[in-house]
N, C-alpha and C. Protein backbone atom coordinates (compact mmCIF):
# COMPACT_ATOMS: atom_id res chain seq x y z
N MET A 1 0.88 -1.23 -0.02
CA MET A 1 0.08 0.05 0.09
C MET A 1 0.81 1.24 -0.03
N THR A 2 0.48 2.18 -0.60
CA THR A 2 1.12 3.46 -0.62
C THR A 2 1.23 4.22 0.82
N VAL A 3 2.37 4.63 1.06
CA VAL A 3 2.68 5.40 2.33
C VAL A 3 2.00 7.00 2.31
N ARG A 4 1.10 7.25 3.01
CA ARG A 4 0.40 8.48 3.04
C ARG A 4 0.76 9.11 4.43
N PRO A 5 1.70 10.21 4.51
CA PRO A 5 1.99 10.83 5.71
C PRO A 5 0.89 11.38 6.52
N THR A 6 -0.20 11.87 5.95
CA THR A 6 -1.30 12.36 6.50
C THR A 6 -2.22 11.44 7.21
N ALA A 7 -2.03 10.26 6.82
CA ALA A 7 -2.87 9.11 7.41
C ALA A 7 -2.79 9.01 8.80
N ILE A 8 -1.80 9.41 9.54
CA ILE A 8 -1.68 9.58 10.95
C ILE A 8 -2.81 10.21 11.49
N ALA A 9 -3.35 11.21 10.83
CA ALA A 9 -4.43 11.89 11.39
C ALA A 9 -5.70 11.10 11.86
N VAL A 10 -5.93 9.95 11.28
CA VAL A 10 -7.11 9.10 11.69
C VAL A 10 -6.93 8.56 13.06
N PRO A 11 -5.78 8.03 13.23
CA PRO A 11 -5.43 7.41 14.69
C PRO A 11 -5.28 8.64 15.65
N LEU A 12 -4.81 9.75 15.40
CA LEU A 12 -4.67 10.69 16.28
C LEU A 12 -6.00 11.56 16.57
N ALA A 13 -6.80 11.36 15.59
CA ALA A 13 -8.20 12.01 15.87
C ALA A 13 -9.08 10.96 16.80
N PHE A 14 -8.98 9.75 16.58
CA PHE A 14 -9.60 8.63 17.57
C PHE A 14 -9.04 8.83 18.94
N GLY A 15 -7.59 9.04 18.94
CA GLY A 15 -7.05 9.12 20.29
C GLY A 15 -7.45 10.50 21.02
N ALA A 16 -7.50 11.52 20.28
CA ALA A 16 -8.11 12.97 20.72
C ALA A 16 -9.45 12.58 21.30
N ALA A 17 -10.31 12.00 20.40
CA ALA A 17 -11.77 11.77 20.94
C ALA A 17 -11.83 11.01 22.32
N THR A 18 -10.99 10.08 22.33
CA THR A 18 -10.79 9.19 23.54
C THR A 18 -10.47 9.97 24.68
N ALA A 19 -9.33 10.67 24.55
CA ALA A 19 -8.95 11.58 25.78
C ALA A 19 -9.89 12.56 26.07
N LEU A 20 -10.59 13.20 25.31
CA LEU A 20 -11.78 14.17 25.50
C LEU A 20 -13.06 13.58 26.18
N LEU A 21 -13.22 12.33 25.74
CA LEU A 21 -14.37 11.81 26.37
C LEU A 21 -14.16 11.21 27.79
N LEU A 22 -12.98 10.74 27.94
CA LEU A 22 -12.49 10.41 29.38
C LEU A 22 -12.45 11.53 30.36
N GLY A 23 -11.92 12.85 29.66
CA GLY A 23 -11.80 13.90 30.40
C GLY A 23 -13.27 14.44 30.89
N VAL A 24 -13.99 14.57 29.98
CA VAL A 24 -15.39 15.10 30.01
C VAL A 24 -16.20 14.16 31.09
N TYR A 25 -16.00 12.87 30.92
CA TYR A 25 -16.82 11.98 31.74
C TYR A 25 -16.20 12.22 33.21
N ALA A 26 -14.88 12.12 33.37
CA ALA A 26 -14.40 12.33 34.77
C ALA A 26 -14.66 13.62 35.30
N SER A 27 -14.89 14.67 34.46
CA SER A 27 -15.36 15.89 35.18
C SER A 27 -16.88 16.15 35.34
N ALA A 28 -17.54 15.40 34.49
CA ALA A 28 -19.19 15.61 34.60
C ALA A 28 -19.67 14.68 35.65
N HIS A 29 -19.11 13.49 35.91
CA HIS A 29 -19.94 12.63 36.68
C HIS A 29 -19.66 12.99 38.19
N GLU A 30 -20.41 12.66 38.92
CA GLU A 30 -20.17 12.92 40.58
C GLU A 30 -19.31 11.64 40.91
N PRO A 31 -18.00 12.00 41.41
CA PRO A 31 -17.22 10.86 41.92
C PRO A 31 -17.79 10.06 43.03
N THR A 32 -17.60 8.82 43.17
CA THR A 32 -18.18 7.89 44.17
C THR A 32 -17.59 8.14 45.53
N GLY A 33 -16.23 8.48 45.47
CA GLY A 33 -15.68 8.54 46.78
C GLY A 33 -15.40 7.31 47.51
N ARG A 34 -15.93 6.14 47.01
CA ARG A 34 -15.80 5.07 47.48
C ARG A 34 -14.50 4.39 47.26
N ASP A 35 -13.49 4.55 48.36
CA ASP A 35 -12.20 3.98 47.89
C ASP A 35 -12.14 2.51 48.18
N PHE A 36 -11.38 1.89 47.34
CA PHE A 36 -10.98 0.30 47.62
C PHE A 36 -9.69 0.26 47.61
N VAL A 37 -9.27 -0.89 48.33
CA VAL A 37 -7.91 -1.24 48.66
C VAL A 37 -7.69 -2.57 48.16
N ILE A 38 -6.76 -2.78 47.29
CA ILE A 38 -6.38 -4.17 46.82
C ILE A 38 -5.70 -4.84 47.92
N GLU A 39 -5.90 -6.26 48.11
CA GLU A 39 -5.38 -7.07 49.06
C GLU A 39 -3.74 -6.96 48.95
N GLY A 40 -3.11 -6.77 50.13
CA GLY A 40 -1.65 -6.63 50.01
C GLY A 40 -1.28 -5.17 50.09
N PHE A 41 -2.08 -4.35 49.99
CA PHE A 41 -1.83 -2.84 50.06
C PHE A 41 -2.59 -2.17 51.19
N THR A 42 -2.00 -1.07 51.70
CA THR A 42 -2.80 -0.41 52.88
C THR A 42 -3.55 0.69 52.44
N THR A 43 -3.41 1.24 51.33
CA THR A 43 -4.14 2.43 50.69
C THR A 43 -4.38 2.19 49.26
N ALA A 44 -5.41 2.97 48.84
CA ALA A 44 -5.53 3.08 47.26
C ALA A 44 -4.28 3.75 46.71
N SER A 45 -3.69 4.65 47.25
CA SER A 45 -2.51 5.38 46.73
C SER A 45 -1.59 4.53 46.48
N ALA A 46 -1.31 3.52 47.55
CA ALA A 46 -0.15 2.57 47.44
C ALA A 46 -0.35 1.50 46.38
N TRP A 47 -1.52 0.96 46.18
CA TRP A 47 -1.70 0.05 44.91
C TRP A 47 -1.64 0.70 43.82
N LYS A 48 -2.28 1.93 43.60
CA LYS A 48 -2.22 2.53 42.38
C LYS A 48 -0.84 3.10 41.99
N SER A 49 0.06 3.44 42.76
CA SER A 49 1.50 3.93 42.65
C SER A 49 2.31 2.59 42.15
N ALA A 50 1.85 1.45 42.87
CA ALA A 50 2.60 0.26 42.50
C ALA A 50 2.38 -0.37 41.11
N PHE A 51 1.02 -0.16 40.92
CA PHE A 51 0.58 -0.52 39.47
C PHE A 51 1.22 0.20 38.48
N ALA A 52 0.99 1.55 38.68
CA ALA A 52 1.55 2.56 37.74
C ALA A 52 3.10 2.45 37.55
N SER A 53 3.75 2.03 38.56
CA SER A 53 5.32 1.77 38.31
C SER A 53 5.50 0.51 37.58
N VAL A 54 4.83 -0.40 37.85
CA VAL A 54 4.99 -1.68 37.00
C VAL A 54 4.68 -1.50 35.45
N ALA A 55 3.63 -0.55 35.34
CA ALA A 55 3.32 -0.24 33.88
C ALA A 55 4.39 0.56 33.22
N MET A 56 5.03 1.33 33.97
CA MET A 56 6.08 2.25 33.44
C MET A 56 7.31 1.26 33.26
N PHE A 57 7.60 0.30 34.13
CA PHE A 57 8.54 -0.62 33.74
C PHE A 57 8.41 -1.39 32.48
N LEU A 58 7.18 -1.93 32.53
CA LEU A 58 6.92 -2.66 31.14
C LEU A 58 6.97 -1.92 30.06
N PHE A 59 6.49 -0.59 29.98
CA PHE A 59 6.73 0.37 28.91
C PHE A 59 8.21 0.52 28.56
N VAL A 60 8.94 0.70 29.46
CA VAL A 60 10.53 0.79 29.18
C VAL A 60 11.05 -0.34 28.53
N MET A 61 10.57 -1.61 29.03
CA MET A 61 10.86 -3.03 28.48
C MET A 61 10.46 -3.04 27.02
N GLN A 62 9.29 -2.48 26.88
CA GLN A 62 8.57 -2.50 25.46
C GLN A 62 9.40 -1.68 24.43
N VAL A 63 9.61 -0.62 25.09
CA VAL A 63 10.59 0.37 24.10
C VAL A 63 11.90 -0.17 23.74
N SER A 64 12.59 -0.88 24.79
CA SER A 64 13.73 -1.40 24.51
C SER A 64 13.66 -2.52 23.45
N LEU A 65 12.59 -3.34 23.59
CA LEU A 65 12.34 -4.41 22.57
C LEU A 65 12.02 -3.81 21.21
N GLY A 66 11.23 -2.68 21.15
CA GLY A 66 10.97 -2.07 19.82
C GLY A 66 12.21 -1.50 19.19
N LEU A 67 13.05 -0.92 19.91
CA LEU A 67 14.42 -0.39 19.32
C LEU A 67 15.18 -1.56 18.94
N ARG A 68 14.98 -2.80 19.60
CA ARG A 68 15.89 -4.02 19.16
C ARG A 68 15.29 -4.70 17.90
N ILE A 69 13.99 -4.62 17.91
CA ILE A 69 13.26 -5.13 16.73
C ILE A 69 13.54 -4.22 15.29
N THR A 70 13.72 -3.00 15.51
CA THR A 70 13.86 -2.06 14.34
C THR A 70 15.39 -1.97 14.05
N GLY A 71 16.22 -2.54 14.88
CA GLY A 71 17.66 -2.61 14.76
C GLY A 71 18.50 -1.34 15.25
N ARG A 72 17.72 -0.47 15.93
CA ARG A 72 18.29 0.73 16.48
C ARG A 72 19.27 0.44 17.70
N ILE A 73 19.11 -0.61 18.28
CA ILE A 73 19.99 -1.10 19.34
C ILE A 73 20.37 -2.63 19.38
N GLY A 74 21.37 -3.06 19.89
CA GLY A 74 21.78 -4.39 19.85
C GLY A 74 22.61 -4.92 18.87
N PRO A 75 22.78 -6.15 18.71
CA PRO A 75 23.49 -6.59 17.64
C PRO A 75 23.10 -6.55 16.24
N ARG A 76 23.89 -6.58 15.23
CA ARG A 76 23.25 -6.26 13.82
C ARG A 76 22.41 -7.49 13.21
N HIS A 77 22.56 -8.64 13.81
CA HIS A 77 21.67 -9.72 13.31
C HIS A 77 20.15 -9.43 13.70
N ALA A 78 19.45 -10.09 12.99
CA ALA A 78 17.94 -10.00 13.42
C ALA A 78 17.52 -10.57 14.83
N PRO A 79 16.79 -9.90 15.43
CA PRO A 79 16.26 -10.47 16.67
C PRO A 79 15.58 -11.63 16.60
N PRO A 80 15.49 -12.40 17.73
CA PRO A 80 14.86 -13.87 17.57
C PRO A 80 13.33 -13.53 17.30
N ALA A 81 12.68 -14.44 16.76
CA ALA A 81 11.44 -14.37 16.13
C ALA A 81 10.37 -13.93 17.26
N TRP A 82 10.47 -14.44 18.24
CA TRP A 82 9.67 -14.32 19.55
C TRP A 82 9.62 -12.80 20.01
N THR A 83 10.63 -12.03 19.51
CA THR A 83 10.75 -10.70 20.13
C THR A 83 9.53 -9.92 19.96
N SER A 84 8.89 -10.06 18.74
CA SER A 84 7.68 -9.34 18.29
C SER A 84 6.52 -9.52 19.23
N ASP A 85 6.37 -10.88 19.47
CA ASP A 85 5.37 -11.30 20.37
C ASP A 85 5.44 -10.75 21.84
N LEU A 86 6.71 -10.81 22.24
CA LEU A 86 6.99 -10.23 23.54
C LEU A 86 6.92 -8.83 23.68
N HIS A 87 7.12 -8.12 22.73
CA HIS A 87 6.67 -6.69 22.68
C HIS A 87 5.26 -6.44 22.81
N ARG A 88 4.43 -7.15 22.05
CA ARG A 88 3.06 -6.86 22.04
C ARG A 88 2.48 -7.26 23.43
N LEU A 89 3.04 -8.38 23.90
CA LEU A 89 2.45 -8.93 25.26
C LEU A 89 2.85 -8.02 26.29
N LEU A 90 4.05 -7.36 26.31
CA LEU A 90 4.41 -6.31 27.43
C LEU A 90 3.62 -5.11 27.29
N GLY A 91 3.33 -4.69 25.92
CA GLY A 91 2.28 -3.60 25.84
C GLY A 91 0.75 -3.84 26.40
N THR A 92 0.43 -5.14 26.01
CA THR A 92 -0.90 -5.43 26.45
C THR A 92 -0.94 -5.56 27.95
N LEU A 93 0.05 -6.24 28.65
CA LEU A 93 0.22 -6.10 30.16
C LEU A 93 0.24 -4.88 30.82
N ALA A 94 1.00 -4.01 30.03
CA ALA A 94 1.21 -2.50 30.47
C ALA A 94 -0.29 -1.79 30.51
N PHE A 95 -0.92 -2.06 29.48
CA PHE A 95 -2.33 -1.44 29.43
C PHE A 95 -3.18 -2.13 30.37
N GLY A 96 -3.14 -3.38 30.37
CA GLY A 96 -4.10 -4.05 31.59
C GLY A 96 -3.85 -3.73 32.95
N ILE A 97 -2.67 -3.38 33.34
CA ILE A 97 -2.40 -3.23 34.79
C ILE A 97 -2.79 -1.61 35.02
N THR A 98 -2.93 -0.89 34.00
CA THR A 98 -3.36 0.47 34.19
C THR A 98 -4.97 0.63 34.31
N LEU A 99 -5.57 -0.44 33.85
CA LEU A 99 -7.10 -0.19 33.85
C LEU A 99 -7.73 -0.21 35.23
N PRO A 100 -7.19 -0.93 36.42
CA PRO A 100 -7.80 -0.67 37.68
C PRO A 100 -7.46 0.73 38.18
N VAL A 101 -6.33 1.26 37.78
CA VAL A 101 -5.82 2.65 38.11
C VAL A 101 -6.72 3.60 37.58
N VAL A 102 -7.00 3.53 36.21
CA VAL A 102 -7.75 4.43 35.67
C VAL A 102 -9.26 4.46 36.05
N PHE A 103 -9.72 3.38 36.31
CA PHE A 103 -11.04 3.16 36.87
C PHE A 103 -11.22 3.78 38.09
N HIS A 104 -10.25 3.73 39.12
CA HIS A 104 -10.34 4.30 40.42
C HIS A 104 -10.21 5.73 40.29
N CYS A 105 -9.21 6.27 39.27
CA CYS A 105 -9.11 7.74 39.20
C CYS A 105 -10.45 8.33 38.55
N VAL A 106 -10.87 7.79 37.66
CA VAL A 106 -11.92 8.34 36.83
C VAL A 106 -13.36 8.08 37.73
N TRP A 107 -13.51 6.87 38.24
CA TRP A 107 -14.84 6.76 38.72
C TRP A 107 -14.93 7.18 40.27
N THR A 108 -13.87 6.88 41.00
CA THR A 108 -13.99 7.18 42.35
C THR A 108 -13.45 8.48 42.65
N VAL A 109 -12.47 9.01 42.03
CA VAL A 109 -12.00 10.34 42.39
C VAL A 109 -12.43 11.44 41.42
N GLY A 110 -12.73 11.07 40.25
CA GLY A 110 -13.10 12.13 39.12
C GLY A 110 -11.93 13.07 38.91
N TYR A 111 -12.29 14.13 38.12
CA TYR A 111 -11.35 15.20 37.77
C TYR A 111 -11.19 15.92 38.91
N GLN A 112 -9.75 16.12 39.10
CA GLN A 112 -9.19 17.13 40.29
C GLN A 112 -8.65 18.22 39.86
N SER A 113 -9.14 19.39 40.65
CA SER A 113 -8.60 20.60 40.23
C SER A 113 -8.18 21.34 41.44
N SER A 114 -7.86 20.86 42.47
CA SER A 114 -7.62 21.57 43.92
C SER A 114 -6.12 22.03 43.80
N ASP A 115 -5.36 21.36 43.08
CA ASP A 115 -3.96 22.13 42.86
C ASP A 115 -3.39 21.72 41.47
N SER A 116 -2.40 22.54 40.99
CA SER A 116 -1.85 22.41 39.83
C SER A 116 -1.30 21.01 39.48
N ARG A 117 -0.85 20.25 40.33
CA ARG A 117 -0.34 19.01 40.20
C ARG A 117 -1.37 17.85 39.78
N LEU A 118 -2.53 18.19 40.48
CA LEU A 118 -3.62 17.24 40.19
C LEU A 118 -4.41 17.73 38.90
N VAL A 119 -4.35 18.81 38.50
CA VAL A 119 -4.76 19.28 37.20
C VAL A 119 -4.02 18.43 36.11
N VAL A 120 -2.74 18.75 36.28
CA VAL A 120 -1.82 18.06 35.21
C VAL A 120 -1.88 16.54 35.24
N HIS A 121 -2.13 16.00 36.30
CA HIS A 121 -2.26 14.50 36.37
C HIS A 121 -3.62 14.11 35.72
N SER A 122 -4.74 14.92 36.08
CA SER A 122 -6.07 14.56 35.53
C SER A 122 -6.07 14.76 33.95
N ILE A 123 -5.39 15.71 33.48
CA ILE A 123 -5.35 15.89 32.02
C ILE A 123 -4.45 14.99 31.35
N VAL A 124 -3.34 14.92 31.79
CA VAL A 124 -2.28 13.98 31.19
C VAL A 124 -2.64 12.37 31.20
N GLY A 125 -3.32 12.23 32.33
CA GLY A 125 -3.76 10.75 32.35
C GLY A 125 -4.84 10.41 31.29
N CYS A 126 -5.71 11.47 30.92
CA CYS A 126 -6.75 11.22 29.73
C CYS A 126 -6.01 11.16 28.38
N ILE A 127 -5.00 12.23 28.30
CA ILE A 127 -4.23 12.20 27.14
C ILE A 127 -3.36 11.02 26.93
N ALA A 128 -2.80 10.29 27.83
CA ALA A 128 -2.15 9.09 27.67
C ALA A 128 -3.13 7.96 27.16
N TYR A 129 -4.24 7.84 27.66
CA TYR A 129 -5.26 6.87 27.13
C TYR A 129 -5.55 7.27 25.53
N GLY A 130 -5.47 8.40 25.32
CA GLY A 130 -5.85 8.92 23.89
C GLY A 130 -4.62 8.47 23.12
N PHE A 131 -3.44 8.71 23.56
CA PHE A 131 -2.15 8.42 22.69
C PHE A 131 -2.06 6.66 22.75
N TYR A 132 -2.62 6.06 23.75
CA TYR A 132 -2.64 4.50 23.57
C TYR A 132 -3.45 4.14 22.35
N VAL A 133 -4.78 4.73 22.41
CA VAL A 133 -5.76 4.45 21.23
C VAL A 133 -4.99 4.69 19.84
N ALA A 134 -4.32 6.04 19.81
CA ALA A 134 -3.82 6.29 18.63
C ALA A 134 -2.61 5.40 18.14
N LYS A 135 -1.84 4.86 19.04
CA LYS A 135 -0.84 4.03 18.78
C LYS A 135 -1.20 2.71 18.20
N ILE A 136 -2.29 2.11 18.99
CA ILE A 136 -2.87 0.76 18.69
C ILE A 136 -3.40 0.84 17.35
N LEU A 137 -4.16 2.06 17.05
CA LEU A 137 -4.67 2.09 15.72
C LEU A 137 -3.68 2.32 14.43
N ALA A 138 -2.57 3.10 14.86
CA ALA A 138 -1.54 3.44 13.89
C ALA A 138 -0.82 2.03 13.71
N VAL A 139 -0.49 1.11 14.68
CA VAL A 139 -0.04 -0.06 14.40
C VAL A 139 -0.57 -1.04 13.33
N ARG A 140 -1.86 -0.87 13.36
CA ARG A 140 -2.78 -1.79 12.49
C ARG A 140 -2.79 -1.22 10.96
N ARG A 141 -2.33 -0.07 10.68
CA ARG A 141 -2.33 0.48 9.34
C ARG A 141 -0.93 0.28 8.71
N ASP A 142 -0.97 0.03 7.24
CA ASP A 142 0.08 -0.07 6.51
C ASP A 142 0.39 1.09 5.64
N ASP A 143 -0.36 2.15 5.69
CA ASP A 143 -0.19 3.26 4.90
C ASP A 143 0.35 4.42 5.57
N LEU A 144 1.03 4.24 6.70
CA LEU A 144 1.67 5.28 7.38
C LEU A 144 3.02 5.46 7.16
N ALA A 145 3.64 6.68 7.40
CA ALA A 145 5.04 6.95 7.24
C ALA A 145 5.75 6.13 8.33
N PRO A 146 6.96 5.77 8.10
CA PRO A 146 7.63 5.03 9.02
C PRO A 146 7.86 5.62 10.49
N TRP A 147 7.86 7.09 10.49
CA TRP A 147 7.88 7.63 11.84
C TRP A 147 6.56 7.67 12.62
N ALA A 148 5.41 7.24 12.09
CA ALA A 148 4.06 7.41 12.73
C ALA A 148 4.07 6.67 13.99
N VAL A 149 4.38 5.24 13.90
CA VAL A 149 4.27 4.52 15.17
C VAL A 149 5.20 4.91 16.27
N PRO A 150 6.47 5.10 15.88
CA PRO A 150 7.50 5.60 16.97
C PRO A 150 6.93 6.86 17.50
N LEU A 151 6.27 7.89 16.67
CA LEU A 151 5.77 9.09 17.21
C LEU A 151 4.80 8.95 18.17
N THR A 152 3.79 8.04 17.80
CA THR A 152 2.65 7.88 18.70
C THR A 152 3.07 7.02 20.01
N GLY A 153 4.12 6.14 19.87
CA GLY A 153 4.45 5.40 20.93
C GLY A 153 5.41 6.39 21.94
N SER A 154 6.00 7.28 21.32
CA SER A 154 6.90 8.20 22.16
C SER A 154 5.93 9.26 22.82
N LEU A 155 4.84 9.64 22.39
CA LEU A 155 3.88 10.58 22.89
C LEU A 155 3.25 9.83 24.10
N LEU A 156 2.93 8.55 23.84
CA LEU A 156 2.29 7.78 24.87
C LEU A 156 3.30 7.71 26.03
N GLY A 157 4.30 7.20 25.64
CA GLY A 157 5.49 7.27 26.86
C GLY A 157 5.62 8.45 27.69
N VAL A 158 5.78 9.61 26.87
CA VAL A 158 5.86 10.86 27.62
C VAL A 158 4.77 11.12 28.72
N ALA A 159 3.40 10.92 27.87
CA ALA A 159 2.28 11.12 28.81
C ALA A 159 2.07 10.19 30.00
N MET A 160 2.53 8.84 29.77
CA MET A 160 2.69 7.97 30.89
C MET A 160 3.61 8.51 31.94
N LEU A 161 4.76 8.84 31.42
CA LEU A 161 5.82 9.26 32.48
C LEU A 161 5.23 10.57 33.27
N VAL A 162 4.65 11.63 32.55
CA VAL A 162 4.01 12.66 33.32
C VAL A 162 3.05 12.17 34.29
N ALA A 163 2.12 11.22 33.89
CA ALA A 163 0.99 10.86 34.67
C ALA A 163 1.77 10.09 35.81
N TRP A 164 2.76 9.33 35.79
CA TRP A 164 3.27 8.49 36.82
C TRP A 164 3.96 9.51 37.78
N TRP A 165 4.83 10.60 37.17
CA TRP A 165 5.63 11.49 37.75
C TRP A 165 4.64 12.40 38.79
N THR A 166 3.43 12.68 38.42
CA THR A 166 2.47 13.43 39.13
C THR A 166 1.71 12.65 40.19
N SER A 167 1.89 11.38 40.09
CA SER A 167 1.00 10.70 41.13
C SER A 167 2.00 9.66 41.82
N ALA A 168 2.53 8.61 41.34
CA ALA A 168 3.29 7.60 41.99
C ALA A 168 4.56 8.10 42.50
N LEU A 169 5.18 9.01 41.70
CA LEU A 169 6.47 9.45 42.50
C LEU A 169 6.15 10.37 43.62
N VAL A 170 5.10 11.23 43.31
CA VAL A 170 4.66 11.90 44.53
C VAL A 170 4.46 11.07 45.77
N HIS A 171 3.76 9.95 45.62
CA HIS A 171 3.45 9.01 46.68
C HIS A 171 4.66 8.50 47.24
N TYR A 172 5.58 7.93 46.34
CA TYR A 172 6.91 7.48 47.01
C TYR A 172 7.65 8.49 47.64
N ALA A 173 7.70 9.76 47.32
CA ALA A 173 8.36 10.86 47.93
C ALA A 173 7.71 11.40 49.23
N GLY A 174 6.63 10.58 49.49
CA GLY A 174 5.95 10.92 50.91
C GLY A 174 4.64 11.96 50.76
N GLY A 175 4.49 12.32 49.61
CA GLY A 175 3.29 13.15 49.47
C GLY A 175 2.00 12.52 49.36
N SER A 176 0.92 13.28 49.20
CA SER A 176 -0.27 12.55 48.88
C SER A 176 -0.52 12.44 47.45
N SER A 177 -0.86 11.36 46.91
CA SER A 177 -1.26 11.15 45.46
C SER A 177 -2.52 10.75 45.36
């Protein structure tokens, strides 16, 4: 199929719609305030921080594999055949482990605007899921420029890092997240 550089607009549009819908829902609905704690953790902040940190670790591993698959790092010979499957599995696991975190944030806590850190976290959390949608849709297309998937993946990674930085890192530093 012919490469069309503008074809990235479709995945980005769906990603933007996802981010917008999450943000609108988080700010429009009345948060339940019913905290839940997962077995083995003492607070919701503790498990959310742990899950988000695991997701960040999986993301770093996935980026490393992606760079290996594309020949940007590692030996000159082709990577093992299973590398692509592991790359996808790590991405799926990273996404899956964020679902309870996002559910808690959106449903229980809702959009937070009491301080600038929470505003950034609320907005960037929605944007991260938008970039996730954009990346998944971009991966499935064969008419994109070669930079499209790395771009959406990089934007997803930056958004995840900022969301983690404004919550889990704050929790581990002794603040309230």
